[in-house]
């Protein structure tokens, strides 16, 4: 299957055939290869974007519920 690049306004457009079942308003990242290839990949949420760093990142202690045995070891 091939599609043809067409001009719409000041942009160039590649169409997506209906049988690809792509949701309307779906977002893609686009990459241009050195060989002229154009690659579209579904946009994924970047875990490094957003305000996640504004939240409390304090690590919880894993020793809070551990009983202190206070045992001395004997040397033989």
Protein backbone atom coordinates (compact mmCIF):
# COMPACT_ATOMS: atom_id res chain seq x y z
CA UNK A 1 0.00 0.00 0.00
CA UNK A 2 1.27 3.47 -0.71
CA UNK A 3 0.04 6.95 0.17
CA UNK A 4 0.82 10.23 -1.52
CA UNK A 5 2.15 13.33 0.20
CA UNK A 6 -0.13 16.31 -0.37
CA UNK A 7 -0.03 19.95 0.60
CA UNK A 8 -2.68 21.37 2.94
CA UNK A 9 -2.16 25.04 3.71
CA UNK A 10 1.50 25.44 4.61
CA UNK A 11 1.92 21.80 5.72
CA UNK A 12 2.48 18.50 3.96
CA UNK A 13 0.15 15.63 4.88
CA UNK A 14 0.41 11.84 4.73
CA UNK A 15 -2.94 10.10 5.11
CA UNK A 16 -3.59 7.04 7.28
CA UNK A 17 -5.82 4.42 5.65
CA UNK A 18 -9.09 3.59 7.50
CA UNK A 19 -8.23 -0.09 7.77
CA UNK A 20 -5.37 0.83 10.15
CA UNK A 21 -8.03 1.54 12.82
CA UNK A 22 -6.18 4.55 14.28
CA UNK A 23 -8.25 6.61 16.73
CA UNK A 24 -9.16 10.13 15.69
CA UNK A 25 -6.88 12.73 17.33
CA UNK A 26 -4.27 10.06 18.14
CA UNK A 27 -0.83 11.57 18.67
CA UNK A 28 2.41 10.28 17.21
CA UNK A 29 6.09 11.05 17.49
CA UNK A 30 7.73 11.34 14.09
CA UNK A 31 11.31 10.56 13.14
CA UNK A 32 13.11 11.27 9.88
CA UNK A 33 15.77 8.71 8.96
CA UNK A 34 19.01 9.44 7.14
CA UNK A 35 17.77 7.31 4.26
CA UNK A 36 14.66 9.50 3.87
CA UNK A 37 12.34 7.18 5.77
CA UNK A 38 9.61 8.74 7.92
CA UNK A 39 8.64 6.76 11.02
CA UNK A 40 5.54 7.46 13.12
CA UNK A 41 5.27 5.87 16.57
CA UNK A 42 2.36 6.25 19.01
CA UNK A 43 3.05 8.96 21.53
CA UNK A 44 3.67 7.48 24.97
CA UNK A 45 3.63 9.27 28.27
CA UNK A 46 7.15 10.27 29.19
CA UNK A 47 7.82 9.35 32.84
CA UNK A 48 10.27 12.26 33.07
CA UNK A 49 7.69 14.89 32.11
CA UNK A 50 5.08 16.47 34.32
CA UNK A 51 5.09 17.47 37.98
CA UNK A 52 6.06 14.10 39.50
CA UNK A 53 9.11 15.76 41.09
CA UNK A 54 6.86 18.07 43.14
CA UNK A 55 5.63 15.16 45.23
CA UNK A 56 7.24 13.90 48.42
CA UNK A 57 9.84 11.37 47.35
CA UNK A 58 10.99 10.43 50.85
CA UNK A 59 11.82 6.75 51.11
CA UNK A 60 9.99 4.80 53.75
CA UNK A 61 12.10 2.89 56.27
CA UNK A 62 11.94 -0.86 55.86
CA UNK A 63 13.05 -1.31 59.49
CA UNK A 64 10.17 0.45 61.26
CA UNK A 65 8.39 -2.78 62.27
CA UNK A 66 11.57 -4.78 63.03
CA UNK A 67 12.16 -5.71 66.66
CA UNK A 68 15.60 -4.82 68.04
CA UNK A 69 16.95 -8.12 69.35
CA UNK A 70 20.10 -6.64 70.97
CA UNK A 71 21.95 -9.98 70.86
CA UNK A 72 25.70 -10.24 71.37
CA UNK A 73 27.49 -13.03 69.55
CA UNK A 74 29.87 -15.23 71.51
CA UNK A 75 33.27 -16.09 70.08
CA UNK A 76 34.31 -19.77 70.24
